[in-house]
Amino acid sequence: MGAAYRVLRDADVEQFLTRGYVVIRGCFSREDAEEYTRTLWTRLGYDPQDRSTWAEPSVHMPAHRDIDVASFAPRAWDAVCDLVGGPERISAGQPYRWNDAFIVNLGEGADRPWAEASAGAPGWHKDGDFFRHFLDSPEQGLLTLVLWSDVRHRGGATFVAADSVAPVARFLAAHPEGVHPGGVPGPAGAVFDYPALMAGCTDFVEATGAVGDVYLLHPFVLHAKAQNVVRAVRVITNPPVTLAEPMRFDRSDPARHSLVERAVLRALGTRRAPFTATAPREAIVPPRVLRQRRLLAEEQARLRTAPPV
């Protein structure tokens, strides 16, 4: 099986199909990471040596520049291609690139005792606040967690519900009219009931690792922000992979199903699942976009006046 893939081994393929994620270690060096993170503290407006200046426990930063993944982290790029069915299935109009829209966790939940991941923990969600979700949605063909810092146990890692692909797949299959991501239904469609989706989940992963590690997750994997009780500086990004066209679960040649599609079919307990959306696909402008526009202007002003780093 693995001989057909660029990076993934048989064990990686089986893990992705059964647990919804794989980890590609050491995709870039600490020196490479430093090139993109060296202005982090200037952009934040915080003093790295003075925690009293850390005004927010976590910050979703805007992007200033992007990176060609194929040249910067070729093993990560090849693994993405393995999972989605080849580079031709990635949108040419929205090519898969990384950027410096860092998600910085400086102490989220540090005022509470550490709690292990559980179905009842707060914050479980499916990524994709910018589109109406269907079973075959191309807007997020994969979820990526790129580690730009070391991510320690109890240090603000992402909690992953590794057995959540099946309940999400069943929910989306039952709602061909689409599901609104923001908790408020639109003119047509349901909303994600995360407590119900999480109710049967028992397989949890704390996505720790070192600089340069990359987690590639099925787009149906539910996840949540873990506490950072040790107040380590945790820096990640989570760029989506946009597909060239909606996923297909009824290809005439089953071998043409991508691993992402195969995971959905396995979750639904079938070898073939024709799907037709019954409502128009819809782009959504989430509130975070306006916030990040403001943050971008503030960061640009700090960078203009700061001494060279």
Protein backbone atom coordinates (compact mmCIF):
# COMPACT_ATOMS: atom_id res chain seq x y z
CA MET A 1 0.00 0.00 0.00
CA GLY A 2 2.64 2.53 1.10
CA ALA A 3 4.68 2.23 -2.11
CA ALA A 4 2.13 4.44 -3.90
CA TYR A 5 2.73 7.35 -1.53
CA ARG A 6 5.49 9.94 -1.43
CA VAL A 7 5.93 10.11 2.35
CA LEU A 8 3.27 8.10 4.17
CA ARG A 9 4.01 4.58 5.34
CA ASP A 10 1.42 1.84 5.72
CA ALA A 11 1.12 2.62 9.44
CA ASP A 12 0.52 6.31 8.67
CA VAL A 13 -2.21 5.45 6.19
CA GLU A 14 -3.98 3.19 8.67
CA GLN A 15 -3.68 5.75 11.45
CA PHE A 16 -5.21 8.45 9.26
CA LEU A 17 -8.08 6.17 8.25
CA THR A 18 -8.79 5.09 11.82
CA ARG A 19 -7.75 8.07 13.93
CA GLY A 20 -7.98 11.00 11.52
CA TYR A 21 -4.46 12.40 11.71
CA VAL A 22 -0.78 11.84 11.01
CA VAL A 23 2.32 13.67 12.26
CA ILE A 24 5.23 14.50 9.99
CA ARG A 25 8.20 15.28 12.21
CA GLY A 26 11.06 17.65 11.46
CA CYS A 27 9.67 19.33 8.35
CA PHE A 28 11.82 22.44 8.84
CA SER A 29 14.62 23.56 11.14
CA ARG A 30 14.68 25.91 14.11
CA GLU A 31 16.74 28.32 12.01
CA ASP A 32 14.06 28.30 9.31
CA ALA A 33 11.38 28.94 11.94
CA GLU A 34 13.37 31.82 13.41
CA GLU A 35 13.34 33.59 10.03
CA TYR A 36 9.55 33.85 10.25
CA THR A 37 9.10 34.33 14.01
CA ARG A 38 11.93 36.78 14.79
CA THR A 39 9.56 39.81 14.77
CA LEU A 40 6.89 38.04 16.81
CA TRP A 41 7.32 40.10 19.98
CA THR A 42 7.50 43.39 18.10
CA ARG A 43 4.29 42.51 16.30
CA LEU A 44 2.60 41.60 19.59
CA GLY A 45 3.87 44.69 21.37
CA TYR A 46 4.93 42.54 24.33
CA ASP A 47 8.26 42.21 26.15
CA PRO A 48 9.31 38.53 26.09
CA GLN A 49 11.13 39.02 29.42
CA ASP A 50 8.22 40.74 31.20
CA ARG A 51 5.06 38.68 31.51
CA SER A 52 3.19 41.66 32.92
CA THR A 53 3.14 43.05 29.36
CA TRP A 54 1.40 39.94 28.02
CA ALA A 55 -2.01 41.56 27.82
CA GLU A 56 -3.86 38.59 26.32
CA PRO A 57 -3.32 34.91 27.13
CA SER A 58 -3.71 33.96 23.47
CA VAL A 59 -3.64 35.94 20.24
CA HIS A 60 -4.67 35.02 16.69
CA MET A 61 -2.30 37.19 14.69
CA PRO A 62 -2.84 38.40 11.11
CA ALA A 63 -0.62 37.39 8.20
CA HIS A 64 2.09 39.58 6.70
CA ARG A 65 3.71 37.14 4.27
CA ASP A 66 3.29 33.61 3.05
CA ILE A 67 5.53 30.67 2.28
CA ASP A 68 5.74 28.15 -0.56
CA VAL A 69 5.31 24.88 1.32
CA ALA A 70 6.73 22.72 -1.47
CA SER A 71 10.13 24.41 -1.18
CA PHE A 72 10.11 25.33 2.53
CA ALA A 73 8.82 22.00 3.88
CA PRO A 74 8.79 19.46 1.02
CA ARG A 75 8.01 16.44 3.25
CA ALA A 76 4.92 18.20 4.60
CA TRP A 77 3.88 19.12 1.05
CA ASP A 78 4.34 15.55 -0.15
CA ALA A 79 2.33 14.20 2.79
CA VAL A 80 -0.50 16.61 2.00
CA CYS A 81 -0.50 15.40 -1.59
CA ASP A 82 -0.57 11.79 -0.35
CA LEU A 83 -3.68 12.51 1.75
CA VAL A 84 -5.75 14.52 -0.74
CA GLY A 85 -4.98 12.43 -3.81
CA GLY A 86 -2.21 14.38 -5.52
CA PRO A 87 -1.24 18.00 -6.20
CA GLU A 88 -3.81 18.26 -8.99
CA ARG A 89 -6.58 18.02 -6.40
CA ILE A 90 -5.38 21.16 -4.61
CA SER A 91 -6.99 24.39 -5.77
CA ALA A 92 -4.87 26.32 -8.24
CA GLY A 93 -6.81 29.45 -7.35
CA GLN A 94 -6.06 29.01 -3.66
CA PRO A 95 -2.76 27.14 -3.58
CA TYR A 96 -1.67 25.56 -0.31
CA ARG A 97 0.72 28.03 1.30
CA TRP A 98 1.70 28.72 4.89
CA ASN A 99 1.86 32.21 6.37
CA ASP A 100 2.85 34.00 9.57
CA ALA A 101 -0.67 34.33 10.98
CA PHE A 102 0.60 32.86 14.21
CA ILE A 103 -1.69 31.59 16.94
CA VAL A 104 0.23 32.43 20.10
CA ASN A 105 -0.72 30.88 23.43
CA LEU A 106 1.01 32.58 26.36
CA GLY A 107 -1.04 31.19 29.23
CA GLU A 108 -4.59 30.31 28.24
CA GLY A 109 -6.28 28.75 31.28
CA ALA A 110 -3.17 29.12 33.48
CA ASP A 111 -5.41 30.32 36.32
CA ARG A 112 -7.06 26.89 36.57
CA PRO A 113 -5.67 23.47 37.52
CA TRP A 114 -4.68 21.32 34.56
CA ALA A 115 -7.52 19.21 33.15
CA GLU A 116 -6.92 16.32 30.76
CA ALA A 117 -8.90 16.21 27.52
CA SER A 118 -12.41 14.86 27.83
CA ALA A 119 -15.64 14.97 25.85
CA GLY A 120 -16.99 17.49 28.31
CA ALA A 121 -14.07 19.92 28.03
CA PRO A 122 -14.90 23.37 26.61
CA GLY A 123 -14.06 24.59 23.14
CA TRP A 124 -14.45 21.54 20.91
CA HIS A 125 -15.11 22.64 17.34
CA LYS A 126 -14.67 21.89 13.66
CA ASP A 127 -12.55 24.41 11.80
CA GLY A 128 -13.91 26.43 8.90
CA ASP A 129 -15.69 29.57 10.08
CA PHE A 130 -15.66 30.97 6.54
CA PHE A 131 -18.05 28.65 4.69
CA ARG A 132 -21.24 26.62 4.99
CA HIS A 133 -20.26 23.01 5.61
CA PHE A 134 -21.33 20.04 3.51
CA LEU A 135 -20.14 16.46 3.51
CA ASP A 136 -18.08 17.16 0.38
CA SER A 137 -16.93 20.73 1.10
CA PRO A 138 -13.72 21.61 -0.77
CA GLU A 139 -12.90 24.70 1.30
CA GLN A 140 -11.06 22.65 3.90
CA GLY A 141 -9.67 19.44 2.48
CA LEU A 142 -7.25 19.08 5.40
CA LEU A 143 -6.56 20.85 8.66
CA THR A 144 -2.89 21.60 9.35
CA LEU A 145 -1.14 22.32 12.65
CA VAL A 146 2.32 23.74 11.98
CA LEU A 147 4.52 23.95 15.10
CA TRP A 148 6.69 27.09 15.02
CA SER A 149 7.74 26.56 18.65
CA ASP A 150 8.19 23.53 20.85
CA VAL A 151 4.80 22.52 22.22
CA ARG A 152 5.03 20.88 25.62
CA HIS A 153 2.67 18.77 27.68
CA ARG A 154 0.34 21.16 29.52
CA GLY A 155 1.82 23.98 27.40
CA GLY A 156 -1.10 25.00 25.22
CA ALA A 157 -1.15 22.18 22.70
CA THR A 158 -4.23 21.40 20.64
CA PHE A 159 -6.48 18.63 21.99
CA VAL A 160 -7.58 16.31 19.17
CA ALA A 161 -10.60 14.02 19.33
CA ALA A 162 -9.16 11.22 17.20
CA ASP A 163 -12.48 9.34 16.94
CA SER A 164 -14.62 12.31 15.91
CA VAL A 165 -14.54 11.83 12.12
CA ALA A 166 -17.40 9.30 12.22
CA PRO A 167 -19.96 11.38 14.17
CA VAL A 168 -19.17 14.48 12.10
CA ALA A 169 -19.45 12.52 8.83
CA ARG A 170 -22.81 11.07 9.86
CA PHE A 171 -24.07 14.51 10.91
CA LEU A 172 -23.05 16.14 7.63
CA ALA A 173 -24.48 13.26 5.59
CA ALA A 174 -27.80 13.79 7.38
CA HIS A 175 -27.79 17.52 6.50
CA PRO A 176 -27.36 17.92 2.74
CA GLU A 177 -28.74 21.45 3.11
CA GLY A 178 -25.49 22.37 4.84
CA VAL A 179 -24.39 23.35 8.33
CA HIS A 180 -23.61 26.88 9.42
CA PRO A 181 -20.28 27.12 11.28
CA GLY A 182 -21.02 29.99 13.63
CA GLY A 183 -23.67 28.63 15.96
CA VAL A 184 -26.50 30.59 14.35
CA PRO A 185 -28.34 28.91 11.45
CA GLY A 186 -28.71 30.81 8.22
CA PRO A 187 -31.74 30.77 5.89
CA ALA A 188 -31.23 27.03 5.45
CA GLY A 189 -29.25 24.52 7.41
CA ALA A 190 -28.45 23.18 10.85
CA VAL A 191 -25.70 24.16 13.27
CA PHE A 192 -23.06 21.91 14.79
CA ASP A 193 -24.18 20.40 18.08
CA TYR A 194 -20.73 19.86 19.54
CA PRO A 195 -21.77 18.30 22.87
CA ALA A 196 -23.80 15.69 20.97
CA LEU A 197 -20.99 15.08 18.47
CA MET A 198 -18.46 14.68 21.27
CA ALA A 199 -20.66 12.49 23.47
CA GLY A 200 -19.24 9.20 22.21
CA CYS A 201 -15.63 10.32 21.76
CA THR A 202 -13.03 8.68 23.99
CA ASP A 203 -9.75 8.83 21.99
CA PHE A 204 -7.95 12.07 22.78
CA VAL A 205 -4.51 13.29 21.70
CA GLU A 206 -2.50 16.24 22.99
CA ALA A 207 -0.72 17.54 19.88
CA THR A 208 2.71 18.16 21.40
CA GLY A 209 5.97 18.23 19.48
CA ALA A 210 9.05 20.17 18.46
CA VAL A 211 9.67 23.07 16.13
CA GLY A 212 9.16 21.87 12.57
CA ASP A 213 6.61 19.15 13.33
CA VAL A 214 3.40 19.22 11.30
CA TYR A 215 0.10 17.58 12.20
CA LEU A 216 -2.17 16.81 9.25
CA LEU A 217 -5.76 16.23 10.34
CA HIS A 218 -8.89 15.11 8.56
CA PRO A 219 -11.16 18.13 8.11
CA PHE A 220 -13.86 16.41 10.22
CA VAL A 221 -11.62 16.04 13.28
CA LEU A 222 -12.93 18.02 16.26
CA HIS A 223 -10.32 19.74 18.35
CA ALA A 224 -9.96 22.27 21.17
CA LYS A 225 -7.38 24.63 22.63
CA ALA A 226 -5.66 23.09 25.64
CA GLN A 227 -4.64 25.05 28.71
CA ASN A 228 -1.14 26.45 28.94
CA VAL A 229 -0.59 26.07 32.66
CA VAL A 230 3.22 26.13 32.35
CA ARG A 231 2.98 29.44 30.44
CA ALA A 232 5.41 28.30 27.77
CA VAL A 233 5.35 30.39 24.60
CA ARG A 234 3.44 28.24 22.11
CA VAL A 235 3.35 29.35 18.45
CA ILE A 236 1.45 27.47 15.74
CA THR A 237 -0.47 28.13 12.54
CA ASN A 238 -3.37 26.14 11.11
CA PRO A 239 -3.60 26.76 7.36
CA PRO A 240 -6.31 24.81 5.52
CA VAL A 241 -5.86 22.92 2.27
CA THR A 242 -8.41 24.04 -0.33
CA LEU A 243 -9.44 21.39 -2.84
CA ALA A 244 -9.89 22.06 -6.55
CA GLU A 245 -13.41 20.60 -6.43
CA PRO A 246 -15.79 19.04 -3.90
CA MET A 247 -14.88 15.62 -2.56
CA ARG A 248 -16.35 12.56 -4.25
CA PHE A 249 -17.55 9.46 -2.44
CA ASP A 250 -18.82 7.57 -5.48
CA ARG A 251 -15.86 7.45 -7.87
CA SER A 252 -16.20 4.80 -10.55
CA ASP A 253 -12.74 3.53 -9.63
CA PRO A 254 -12.52 3.18 -5.82
CA ALA A 255 -8.73 3.41 -6.06
CA ARG A 256 -9.21 7.04 -7.08
CA HIS A 257 -10.70 7.95 -3.71
CA SER A 258 -8.28 10.07 -1.68
CA LEU A 259 -7.39 9.04 1.85
CA VAL A 260 -9.59 11.87 3.12
CA GLU A 261 -12.52 10.48 1.12
CA ARG A 262 -11.74 6.90 2.19
CA ALA A 263 -11.84 7.97 5.83
CA VAL A 264 -15.33 9.38 5.32
CA LEU A 265 -16.53 6.21 3.60
CA ARG A 266 -15.08 4.11 6.40
CA ALA A 267 -16.78 6.36 8.97
CA LEU A 268 -20.11 5.95 7.17
CA GLY A 269 -19.64 2.19 6.95
CA THR A 270 -19.98 2.04 3.18
CA ARG A 271 -17.83 1.70 0.05
CA ARG A 272 -19.82 4.25 -1.94
CA ALA A 273 -21.88 7.27 -0.87
CA PRO A 274 -23.30 9.55 -3.58
CA PHE A 275 -23.83 13.04 -2.16
CA THR A 276 -25.60 16.10 -3.55
CA ALA A 277 -25.81 19.40 -1.70
CA THR A 278 -29.41 20.62 -1.57
CA ALA A 279 -28.61 24.27 -0.83
CA PRO A 280 -26.14 26.72 -2.38
CA ARG A 281 -22.58 26.76 -1.12
CA GLU A 282 -21.98 29.91 0.87
CA ALA A 283 -18.91 31.92 1.79
CA ILE A 284 -19.05 33.60 5.20
CA VAL A 285 -17.04 36.53 6.54
CA PRO A 286 -16.35 35.65 10.18
CA PRO A 287 -15.90 38.30 12.89
CA ARG A 288 -12.21 37.40 13.25
CA VAL A 289 -11.49 38.94 9.81
CA LEU A 290 -12.36 42.45 11.00
CA ARG A 291 -10.34 41.94 14.18
CA GLN A 292 -7.31 40.77 12.22
CA ARG A 293 -7.51 43.75 9.87
CA ARG A 294 -7.22 46.02 12.91
CA LEU A 295 -4.38 43.94 14.36
CA LEU A 296 -2.54 44.03 11.02
CA ALA A 297 -2.55 47.83 10.99
CA GLU A 298 -1.30 47.91 14.59
CA GLU A 299 1.46 45.40 13.88
CA GLN A 300 2.60 47.25 10.75
CA ALA A 301 2.91 50.44 12.79
CA ARG A 302 5.06 48.70 15.42
CA LEU A 303 7.28 47.14 12.77
CA ARG A 304 7.86 50.52 11.09
CA THR A 305 9.14 52.12 14.28
CA ALA A 306 10.96 49.19 15.87
CA PRO A 307 14.74 48.78 15.60
CA PRO A 308 15.89 45.95 13.31
CA VAL A 309 15.68 42.50 14.87
